[in-house]
Amino acid sequence: MTTWRYSRITKTNNTTSVITAVASIHNTHATFGNAATKIQGAFRNHQARLRLKNEAAWKIHEKLEYSNEQTEAKLRDMFEKLLKASDILSASVTKLLQKSGLPLEEKELLKLTNPDDIQVEVNYRGPHIESSIKRSTLVDLIEAFQKGEVSETKSI
């Protein structure tokens, strides 16, 4: 802050008072300049940290988005292969059952989901699955689920 020495020094010598006043204002100006420089430096550091944080968040977002696209593409490919191979699906199920490398749980699951072994109630009005699953059967199932025609699951 400026020191108000004008009144004391002006009584003695005008030249000295001007020099003293200028010196005290200069010192005060330097102090404000240092404070302003420190504030500006802190603000720039804060901005740089925010920019780095946003860049890191954006990179993570891009990686997740890219991995979701890859997963979606893999699922799409799997379903396309399933639809293309739907005519020979029950033969592949029997082939999988004969493999010795499958865990017991998967063998049981394949046995329980075999369409030939599932009993359908007489009053069921939804789509019926026959021994071989074809593309048209899958389309019928999807449409029936969308329309709500498929009855609730029952305990096996």
N, C-alpha and C. Protein backbone atom coordinates (compact mmCIF):
# COMPACT_ATOMS: atom_id res chain seq x y z
N MET A 1 0.84 -1.18 0.00
CA MET A 1 0.00 0.00 0.00
C MET A 1 0.89 1.24 0.00
N THR A 2 0.33 2.32 -0.50
CA THR A 2 1.11 3.57 -0.54
C THR A 2 1.14 4.19 0.85
N THR A 3 2.29 4.75 1.16
CA THR A 3 2.41 5.48 2.43
C THR A 3 2.17 6.95 2.16
N TRP A 4 1.37 7.55 2.93
CA TRP A 4 1.00 8.96 2.70
C TRP A 4 1.98 9.87 3.41
N ARG A 5 3.12 10.07 2.80
CA ARG A 5 4.17 10.93 3.35
C ARG A 5 4.18 12.30 2.69
N TYR A 6 3.22 12.58 1.89
CA TYR A 6 3.21 13.85 1.16
C TYR A 6 3.23 15.06 2.11
N SER A 7 2.42 15.04 3.09
CA SER A 7 2.32 16.23 3.96
C SER A 7 3.59 16.46 4.76
N ARG A 8 4.24 15.42 5.26
CA ARG A 8 5.45 15.61 6.07
C ARG A 8 6.63 16.05 5.22
N ILE A 9 6.77 15.47 4.08
CA ILE A 9 7.96 15.76 3.28
C ILE A 9 7.78 17.06 2.50
N THR A 10 6.64 17.41 2.10
CA THR A 10 6.44 18.63 1.32
C THR A 10 6.81 19.88 2.09
N LYS A 11 6.81 19.86 3.40
CA LYS A 11 7.19 21.03 4.19
C LYS A 11 8.68 21.29 4.09
N THR A 12 9.46 20.24 3.91
CA THR A 12 10.91 20.42 3.87
C THR A 12 11.42 20.67 2.47
N ASN A 13 11.15 19.77 1.57
CA ASN A 13 11.74 19.90 0.24
C ASN A 13 10.83 19.21 -0.77
N ASN A 14 10.45 19.94 -1.79
CA ASN A 14 9.53 19.38 -2.80
C ASN A 14 10.16 18.25 -3.59
N THR A 15 11.41 18.34 -3.92
CA THR A 15 12.09 17.32 -4.70
C THR A 15 12.17 16.01 -3.92
N THR A 16 12.54 16.08 -2.67
CA THR A 16 12.64 14.89 -1.84
C THR A 16 11.28 14.24 -1.66
N SER A 17 10.27 15.03 -1.44
CA SER A 17 8.94 14.46 -1.23
C SER A 17 8.44 13.73 -2.48
N VAL A 18 8.71 14.26 -3.64
CA VAL A 18 8.30 13.60 -4.88
C VAL A 18 9.03 12.29 -5.04
N ILE A 19 10.31 12.27 -4.76
CA ILE A 19 11.09 11.04 -4.88
C ILE A 19 10.60 10.00 -3.88
N THR A 20 10.36 10.39 -2.67
CA THR A 20 9.88 9.46 -1.65
C THR A 20 8.50 8.93 -2.02
N ALA A 21 7.63 9.80 -2.48
CA ALA A 21 6.28 9.38 -2.86
C ALA A 21 6.33 8.41 -4.03
N VAL A 22 7.15 8.70 -5.02
CA VAL A 22 7.27 7.82 -6.17
C VAL A 22 7.85 6.48 -5.75
N ALA A 23 8.84 6.48 -4.87
CA ALA A 23 9.45 5.24 -4.40
C ALA A 23 8.44 4.40 -3.64
N SER A 24 7.65 5.02 -2.79
CA SER A 24 6.68 4.24 -2.02
C SER A 24 5.58 3.70 -2.93
N ILE A 25 5.17 4.49 -3.92
CA ILE A 25 4.17 4.00 -4.88
C ILE A 25 4.77 2.87 -5.72
N HIS A 26 6.02 3.00 -6.12
CA HIS A 26 6.69 1.97 -6.91
C HIS A 26 6.77 0.67 -6.11
N ASN A 27 7.14 0.74 -4.83
CA ASN A 27 7.21 -0.47 -4.00
C ASN A 27 5.83 -1.11 -3.87
N THR A 28 4.82 -0.28 -3.69
CA THR A 28 3.46 -0.81 -3.58
C THR A 28 3.04 -1.45 -4.90
N HIS A 29 3.39 -0.81 -6.00
CA HIS A 29 3.06 -1.33 -7.31
C HIS A 29 3.75 -2.68 -7.54
N ALA A 30 4.98 -2.80 -7.10
CA ALA A 30 5.72 -4.06 -7.24
C ALA A 30 5.06 -5.15 -6.41
N THR A 31 4.57 -4.81 -5.22
CA THR A 31 3.90 -5.79 -4.37
C THR A 31 2.62 -6.27 -5.03
N PHE A 32 1.83 -5.33 -5.58
CA PHE A 32 0.61 -5.72 -6.29
C PHE A 32 0.94 -6.55 -7.53
N GLY A 33 2.02 -6.20 -8.21
CA GLY A 33 2.44 -6.95 -9.39
C GLY A 33 2.81 -8.39 -9.04
N ASN A 34 3.53 -8.57 -7.92
CA ASN A 34 3.90 -9.92 -7.49
C ASN A 34 2.65 -10.72 -7.13
N ALA A 35 1.72 -10.09 -6.43
CA ALA A 35 0.48 -10.78 -6.06
C ALA A 35 -0.31 -11.16 -7.31
N ALA A 36 -0.39 -10.23 -8.25
CA ALA A 36 -1.12 -10.52 -9.49
C ALA A 36 -0.45 -11.66 -10.26
N THR A 37 0.87 -11.67 -10.28
CA THR A 37 1.60 -12.73 -10.97
C THR A 37 1.34 -14.08 -10.31
N LYS A 38 1.31 -14.09 -8.98
CA LYS A 38 1.04 -15.35 -8.27
C LYS A 38 -0.38 -15.84 -8.54
N ILE A 39 -1.33 -14.92 -8.54
CA ILE A 39 -2.72 -15.30 -8.80
C ILE A 39 -2.85 -15.83 -10.23
N GLN A 40 -2.23 -15.14 -11.18
CA GLN A 40 -2.29 -15.59 -12.57
C GLN A 40 -1.64 -16.97 -12.73
N GLY A 41 -0.53 -17.18 -12.04
CA GLY A 41 0.14 -18.49 -12.11
C GLY A 41 -0.73 -19.60 -11.54
N ALA A 42 -1.37 -19.31 -10.39
CA ALA A 42 -2.26 -20.31 -9.79
C ALA A 42 -3.44 -20.60 -10.71
N PHE A 43 -3.99 -19.56 -11.33
CA PHE A 43 -5.12 -19.73 -12.24
C PHE A 43 -4.71 -20.56 -13.47
N ARG A 44 -3.53 -20.28 -14.01
CA ARG A 44 -3.05 -21.05 -15.17
C ARG A 44 -2.81 -22.52 -14.80
N ASN A 45 -2.25 -22.75 -13.61
CA ASN A 45 -2.05 -24.14 -13.14
C ASN A 45 -3.40 -24.85 -13.02
N HIS A 46 -4.39 -24.14 -12.47
CA HIS A 46 -5.72 -24.72 -12.32
C HIS A 46 -6.32 -25.06 -13.69
N GLN A 47 -6.18 -24.14 -14.64
CA GLN A 47 -6.69 -24.39 -15.99
C GLN A 47 -5.99 -25.58 -16.64
N ALA A 48 -4.68 -25.68 -16.44
CA ALA A 48 -3.92 -26.80 -17.03
C ALA A 48 -4.38 -28.12 -16.42
N ARG A 49 -4.59 -28.14 -15.09
CA ARG A 49 -5.06 -29.37 -14.44
C ARG A 49 -6.44 -29.76 -14.96
N LEU A 50 -7.33 -28.78 -15.11
CA LEU A 50 -8.66 -29.08 -15.65
C LEU A 50 -8.58 -29.62 -17.08
N ARG A 51 -7.72 -29.02 -17.88
CA ARG A 51 -7.56 -29.47 -19.26
C ARG A 51 -7.06 -30.91 -19.30
N LEU A 52 -6.06 -31.24 -18.46
CA LEU A 52 -5.55 -32.62 -18.41
C LEU A 52 -6.62 -33.59 -17.94
N LYS A 53 -7.39 -33.17 -16.94
CA LYS A 53 -8.46 -34.02 -16.42
C LYS A 53 -9.51 -34.28 -17.51
N ASN A 54 -9.89 -33.24 -18.23
CA ASN A 54 -10.88 -33.41 -19.30
C ASN A 54 -10.34 -34.28 -20.43
N GLU A 55 -9.07 -34.12 -20.77
CA GLU A 55 -8.47 -34.96 -21.82
C GLU A 55 -8.44 -36.42 -21.39
N ALA A 56 -8.09 -36.67 -20.13
CA ALA A 56 -8.07 -38.05 -19.63
C ALA A 56 -9.47 -38.65 -19.64
N ALA A 57 -10.45 -37.87 -19.20
CA ALA A 57 -11.83 -38.35 -19.20
C ALA A 57 -12.30 -38.63 -20.62
N TRP A 58 -11.93 -37.77 -21.56
CA TRP A 58 -12.33 -37.97 -22.95
C TRP A 58 -11.69 -39.23 -23.53
N LYS A 59 -10.41 -39.47 -23.20
CA LYS A 59 -9.74 -40.68 -23.69
C LYS A 59 -10.43 -41.93 -23.16
N ILE A 60 -10.79 -41.92 -21.87
CA ILE A 60 -11.49 -43.06 -21.29
C ILE A 60 -12.83 -43.26 -21.98
N HIS A 61 -13.55 -42.16 -22.22
CA HIS A 61 -14.84 -42.24 -22.90
C HIS A 61 -14.68 -42.84 -24.30
N GLU A 62 -13.66 -42.40 -25.04
CA GLU A 62 -13.44 -42.93 -26.39
C GLU A 62 -13.12 -44.42 -26.35
N LYS A 63 -12.29 -44.83 -25.37
CA LYS A 63 -11.94 -46.26 -25.27
C LYS A 63 -13.18 -47.09 -24.97
N LEU A 64 -14.03 -46.61 -24.03
CA LEU A 64 -15.24 -47.35 -23.70
C LEU A 64 -16.19 -47.40 -24.89
N GLU A 65 -16.33 -46.29 -25.58
CA GLU A 65 -17.22 -46.25 -26.73
C GLU A 65 -16.71 -47.20 -27.82
N TYR A 66 -15.40 -47.20 -28.04
CA TYR A 66 -14.81 -48.07 -29.05
C TYR A 66 -14.99 -49.54 -28.67
N SER A 67 -14.79 -49.86 -27.38
CA SER A 67 -14.94 -51.26 -26.95
C SER A 67 -16.40 -51.69 -27.06
N ASN A 68 -17.35 -50.77 -26.77
CA ASN A 68 -18.76 -51.12 -26.92
C ASN A 68 -19.10 -51.38 -28.38
N GLU A 69 -18.53 -50.60 -29.28
CA GLU A 69 -18.76 -50.82 -30.71
C GLU A 69 -18.20 -52.17 -31.14
N GLN A 70 -17.02 -52.52 -30.62
CA GLN A 70 -16.44 -53.82 -30.97
C GLN A 70 -17.31 -54.96 -30.43
N THR A 71 -17.78 -54.82 -29.19
CA THR A 71 -18.62 -55.84 -28.59
C THR A 71 -19.92 -55.98 -29.38
N GLU A 72 -20.49 -54.84 -29.76
CA GLU A 72 -21.73 -54.87 -30.54
C GLU A 72 -21.50 -55.55 -31.88
N ALA A 73 -20.37 -55.27 -32.51
CA ALA A 73 -20.06 -55.90 -33.80
C ALA A 73 -19.88 -57.40 -33.64
N LYS A 74 -19.22 -57.83 -32.57
CA LYS A 74 -19.03 -59.26 -32.33
C LYS A 74 -20.37 -59.95 -32.10
N LEU A 75 -21.26 -59.31 -31.31
CA LEU A 75 -22.58 -59.90 -31.08
C LEU A 75 -23.38 -60.00 -32.38
N ARG A 76 -23.31 -58.94 -33.18
CA ARG A 76 -24.02 -58.94 -34.46
C ARG A 76 -23.51 -60.07 -35.35
N ASP A 77 -22.19 -60.24 -35.40
CA ASP A 77 -21.60 -61.32 -36.21
C ASP A 77 -22.04 -62.69 -35.70
N MET A 78 -22.07 -62.83 -34.36
CA MET A 78 -22.46 -64.11 -33.79
C MET A 78 -23.91 -64.44 -34.16
N PHE A 79 -24.81 -63.45 -34.05
CA PHE A 79 -26.21 -63.71 -34.39
C PHE A 79 -26.39 -63.96 -35.89
N GLU A 80 -25.63 -63.27 -36.71
CA GLU A 80 -25.70 -63.53 -38.15
C GLU A 80 -25.24 -64.94 -38.47
N LYS A 81 -24.16 -65.38 -37.83
CA LYS A 81 -23.68 -66.75 -38.04
C LYS A 81 -24.72 -67.75 -37.54
N LEU A 82 -25.35 -67.43 -36.41
CA LEU A 82 -26.38 -68.31 -35.86
C LEU A 82 -27.56 -68.43 -36.82
N LEU A 83 -27.97 -67.29 -37.38
CA LEU A 83 -29.09 -67.33 -38.33
C LEU A 83 -28.72 -68.07 -39.61
N LYS A 84 -27.48 -67.90 -40.07
CA LYS A 84 -27.05 -68.60 -41.29
C LYS A 84 -26.95 -70.11 -41.05
N ALA A 85 -26.55 -70.48 -39.84
CA ALA A 85 -26.36 -71.90 -39.53
C ALA A 85 -27.58 -72.49 -38.83
N SER A 86 -28.72 -71.78 -38.87
CA SER A 86 -29.88 -72.25 -38.11
C SER A 86 -30.48 -73.53 -38.67
N ASP A 87 -30.27 -73.80 -39.95
CA ASP A 87 -30.82 -75.02 -40.54
C ASP A 87 -30.15 -76.27 -40.00
N ILE A 88 -28.91 -76.16 -39.58
CA ILE A 88 -28.17 -77.32 -39.07
C ILE A 88 -27.91 -77.20 -37.58
N LEU A 89 -28.73 -76.43 -36.89
CA LEU A 89 -28.47 -76.15 -35.48
C LEU A 89 -28.62 -77.37 -34.60
N SER A 90 -29.65 -78.19 -34.80
CA SER A 90 -29.82 -79.33 -33.91
C SER A 90 -28.70 -80.36 -34.10
N ALA A 91 -28.15 -80.46 -35.29
CA ALA A 91 -27.01 -81.36 -35.49
C ALA A 91 -25.79 -80.85 -34.72
N SER A 92 -25.63 -79.53 -34.68
CA SER A 92 -24.50 -78.99 -33.92
C SER A 92 -24.71 -79.17 -32.42
N VAL A 93 -25.97 -79.16 -31.98
CA VAL A 93 -26.24 -79.39 -30.56
C VAL A 93 -25.83 -80.81 -30.19
N THR A 94 -26.16 -81.76 -31.03
CA THR A 94 -25.76 -83.14 -30.73
C THR A 94 -24.24 -83.30 -30.78
N LYS A 95 -23.61 -82.58 -31.68
CA LYS A 95 -22.15 -82.62 -31.77
C LYS A 95 -21.53 -82.07 -30.48
N LEU A 96 -22.11 -80.98 -29.97
CA LEU A 96 -21.61 -80.40 -28.72
C LEU A 96 -21.81 -81.34 -27.54
N LEU A 97 -22.93 -82.05 -27.56
CA LEU A 97 -23.18 -83.00 -26.48
C LEU A 97 -22.16 -84.13 -26.47
N GLN A 98 -21.68 -84.51 -27.63
CA GLN A 98 -20.73 -85.60 -27.72
C GLN A 98 -19.32 -85.19 -27.34
N LYS A 99 -19.05 -83.89 -27.32
CA LYS A 99 -17.72 -83.43 -26.94
C LYS A 99 -17.46 -83.73 -25.47
N SER A 100 -16.28 -84.21 -25.19
CA SER A 100 -15.95 -84.53 -23.80
C SER A 100 -15.44 -83.31 -23.04
N GLY A 101 -15.06 -82.24 -23.76
CA GLY A 101 -14.48 -81.07 -23.11
C GLY A 101 -15.50 -80.16 -22.44
N LEU A 102 -16.79 -80.38 -22.65
CA LEU A 102 -17.80 -79.51 -22.04
C LEU A 102 -17.99 -79.83 -20.57
N PRO A 103 -18.16 -78.83 -19.75
CA PRO A 103 -18.46 -79.08 -18.34
C PRO A 103 -19.84 -79.74 -18.21
N LEU A 104 -20.04 -80.39 -17.10
CA LEU A 104 -21.28 -81.11 -16.85
C LEU A 104 -22.49 -80.18 -16.88
N GLU A 105 -22.33 -78.96 -16.36
CA GLU A 105 -23.45 -78.01 -16.34
C GLU A 105 -23.90 -77.66 -17.75
N GLU A 106 -22.96 -77.48 -18.67
CA GLU A 106 -23.32 -77.13 -20.04
C GLU A 106 -24.00 -78.31 -20.74
N LYS A 107 -23.54 -79.53 -20.45
CA LYS A 107 -24.19 -80.70 -21.04
C LYS A 107 -25.63 -80.80 -20.57
N GLU A 108 -25.84 -80.56 -19.28
CA GLU A 108 -27.20 -80.60 -18.73
C GLU A 108 -28.07 -79.52 -19.36
N LEU A 109 -27.50 -78.33 -19.54
CA LEU A 109 -28.23 -77.23 -20.15
C LEU A 109 -28.62 -77.56 -21.58
N LEU A 110 -27.70 -78.14 -22.33
CA LEU A 110 -28.01 -78.52 -23.71
C LEU A 110 -29.08 -79.61 -23.76
N LYS A 111 -29.04 -80.55 -22.83
CA LYS A 111 -30.07 -81.59 -22.79
C LYS A 111 -31.43 -81.00 -22.44
N LEU A 112 -31.44 -80.07 -21.48
CA LEU A 112 -32.72 -79.48 -21.05
C LEU A 112 -33.34 -78.56 -22.09
N THR A 113 -32.53 -77.99 -22.96
CA THR A 113 -33.05 -77.05 -23.96
C THR A 113 -33.27 -77.68 -25.33
N ASN A 114 -33.18 -78.97 -25.42
CA ASN A 114 -33.43 -79.65 -26.69
C ASN A 114 -34.92 -79.54 -27.00
N PRO A 115 -35.29 -78.96 -28.15
CA PRO A 115 -36.71 -78.75 -28.45
C PRO A 115 -37.52 -80.04 -28.57
N ASP A 116 -36.88 -81.14 -28.91
CA ASP A 116 -37.61 -82.41 -29.04
C ASP A 116 -38.10 -82.91 -27.69
N ASP A 117 -37.41 -82.56 -26.62
CA ASP A 117 -37.75 -83.08 -25.30
C ASP A 117 -38.72 -82.19 -24.52
N ILE A 118 -39.01 -81.00 -25.01
CA ILE A 118 -39.86 -80.07 -24.26
C ILE A 118 -41.32 -80.32 -24.62
N GLN A 119 -42.15 -80.52 -23.58
CA GLN A 119 -43.58 -80.75 -23.76
C GLN A 119 -44.29 -79.41 -23.85
N VAL A 120 -45.14 -79.24 -24.86
CA VAL A 120 -45.90 -78.00 -25.04
C VAL A 120 -47.35 -78.28 -24.65
N GLU A 121 -47.91 -77.39 -23.83
CA GLU A 121 -49.30 -77.55 -23.40
C GLU A 121 -50.24 -77.39 -24.59
N VAL A 122 -51.39 -78.01 -24.51
CA VAL A 122 -52.34 -77.99 -25.61
C VAL A 122 -52.90 -76.59 -25.83
N ASN A 123 -53.12 -75.83 -24.76
CA ASN A 123 -53.74 -74.51 -24.89
C ASN A 123 -52.73 -73.40 -25.20
N TYR A 124 -51.48 -73.73 -25.46
CA TYR A 124 -50.45 -72.72 -25.79
C TYR A 124 -50.70 -72.21 -27.21
N ARG A 125 -50.81 -70.87 -27.36
CA ARG A 125 -51.13 -70.28 -28.65
C ARG A 125 -49.93 -69.58 -29.30
N GLY A 126 -48.77 -69.61 -28.68
CA GLY A 126 -47.59 -68.95 -29.24
C GLY A 126 -46.95 -69.77 -30.33
N PRO A 127 -45.80 -69.34 -30.82
CA PRO A 127 -45.13 -70.08 -31.89
C PRO A 127 -44.61 -71.43 -31.37
N HIS A 128 -44.67 -72.41 -32.23
CA HIS A 128 -44.21 -73.76 -31.88
C HIS A 128 -42.86 -74.01 -32.55
N ILE A 129 -41.92 -74.60 -31.80
CA ILE A 129 -40.60 -74.92 -32.32
C ILE A 129 -40.57 -76.41 -32.61
N GLU A 130 -40.15 -76.72 -33.81
CA GLU A 130 -40.05 -78.12 -34.19
C GLU A 130 -38.61 -78.58 -34.01
N SER A 131 -38.29 -79.77 -34.48
CA SER A 131 -36.98 -80.36 -34.19
C SER A 131 -35.81 -79.53 -34.70
N SER A 132 -35.91 -78.96 -35.90
CA SER A 132 -34.80 -78.13 -36.37
C SER A 132 -35.22 -76.67 -36.33
N ILE A 133 -34.35 -75.84 -35.80
CA ILE A 133 -34.65 -74.42 -35.68
C ILE A 133 -34.18 -73.73 -36.95
N LYS A 134 -35.10 -73.06 -37.61
CA LYS A 134 -34.78 -72.37 -38.85
C LYS A 134 -34.88 -70.86 -38.62
N ARG A 135 -34.46 -70.14 -39.62
CA ARG A 135 -34.49 -68.68 -39.54
C ARG A 135 -35.92 -68.19 -39.31
N SER A 136 -36.86 -68.76 -40.00
CA SER A 136 -38.26 -68.33 -39.86
C SER A 136 -38.76 -68.58 -38.44
N THR A 137 -38.29 -69.65 -37.80
CA THR A 137 -38.69 -69.94 -36.43
C THR A 137 -38.17 -68.87 -35.48
N LEU A 138 -36.92 -68.46 -35.68
CA LEU A 138 -36.36 -67.39 -34.83
C LEU A 138 -37.10 -66.08 -35.03
N VAL A 139 -37.44 -65.77 -36.27
CA VAL A 139 -38.18 -64.54 -36.56
C VAL A 139 -39.56 -64.60 -35.90
N ASP A 140 -40.23 -65.76 -35.99
CA ASP A 140 -41.54 -65.93 -35.35
C ASP A 140 -41.44 -65.75 -33.84
N LEU A 141 -40.40 -66.31 -33.24
CA LEU A 141 -40.21 -66.16 -31.79
C LEU A 141 -40.02 -64.71 -31.40
N ILE A 142 -39.20 -63.99 -32.14
CA ILE A 142 -38.95 -62.58 -31.83
C ILE A 142 -40.24 -61.78 -31.94
N GLU A 143 -41.00 -62.02 -33.02
CA GLU A 143 -42.26 -61.30 -33.19
C GLU A 143 -43.26 -61.65 -32.09
N ALA A 144 -43.29 -62.91 -31.68
CA ALA A 144 -44.21 -63.32 -30.62
C ALA A 144 -43.85 -62.66 -29.29
N PHE A 145 -42.55 -62.55 -29.00
CA PHE A 145 -42.13 -61.86 -27.78
C PHE A 145 -42.51 -60.39 -27.83
N GLN A 146 -42.36 -59.78 -29.00
CA GLN A 146 -42.70 -58.36 -29.13
C GLN A 146 -44.20 -58.13 -28.96
N LYS A 147 -45.01 -59.07 -29.44
CA LYS A 147 -46.47 -58.92 -29.33
C LYS A 147 -47.00 -59.42 -27.99
N GLY A 148 -46.16 -60.09 -27.21
CA GLY A 148 -46.58 -60.60 -25.90
C GLY A 148 -47.36 -61.90 -26.01
N GLU A 149 -47.18 -62.65 -27.09
CA GLU A 149 -47.91 -63.89 -27.28
C GLU A 149 -47.27 -65.08 -26.59
N VAL A 150 -46.02 -64.97 -26.22
CA VAL A 150 -45.32 -66.09 -25.59
C VAL A 150 -45.74 -66.15 -24.13
N SER A 151 -46.16 -67.34 -23.70
CA SER A 151 -46.64 -67.48 -22.32
C SER A 151 -45.48 -67.42 -21.34
N GLU A 152 -45.82 -67.26 -20.08
CA GLU A 152 -44.80 -67.17 -19.04
C GLU A 152 -44.05 -68.49 -18.93
N THR A 153 -42.82 -68.40 -18.46
CA THR A 153 -42.02 -69.62 -18.30
C THR A 153 -42.57 -70.43 -17.15
N LYS A 154 -42.40 -71.71 -17.23
CA LYS A 154 -42.85 -72.58 -16.14
C LYS A 154 -41.67 -73.35 -15.61
N SER A 155 -41.78 -73.84 -14.41
CA SER A 155 -40.70 -74.59 -13.78
C SER A 155 -40.53 -75.92 -14.47
N ILE A 156 -39.29 -76.32 -14.63
CA ILE A 156 -39.00 -77.61 -15.28
C ILE A 156 -38.83 -78.65 -14.21
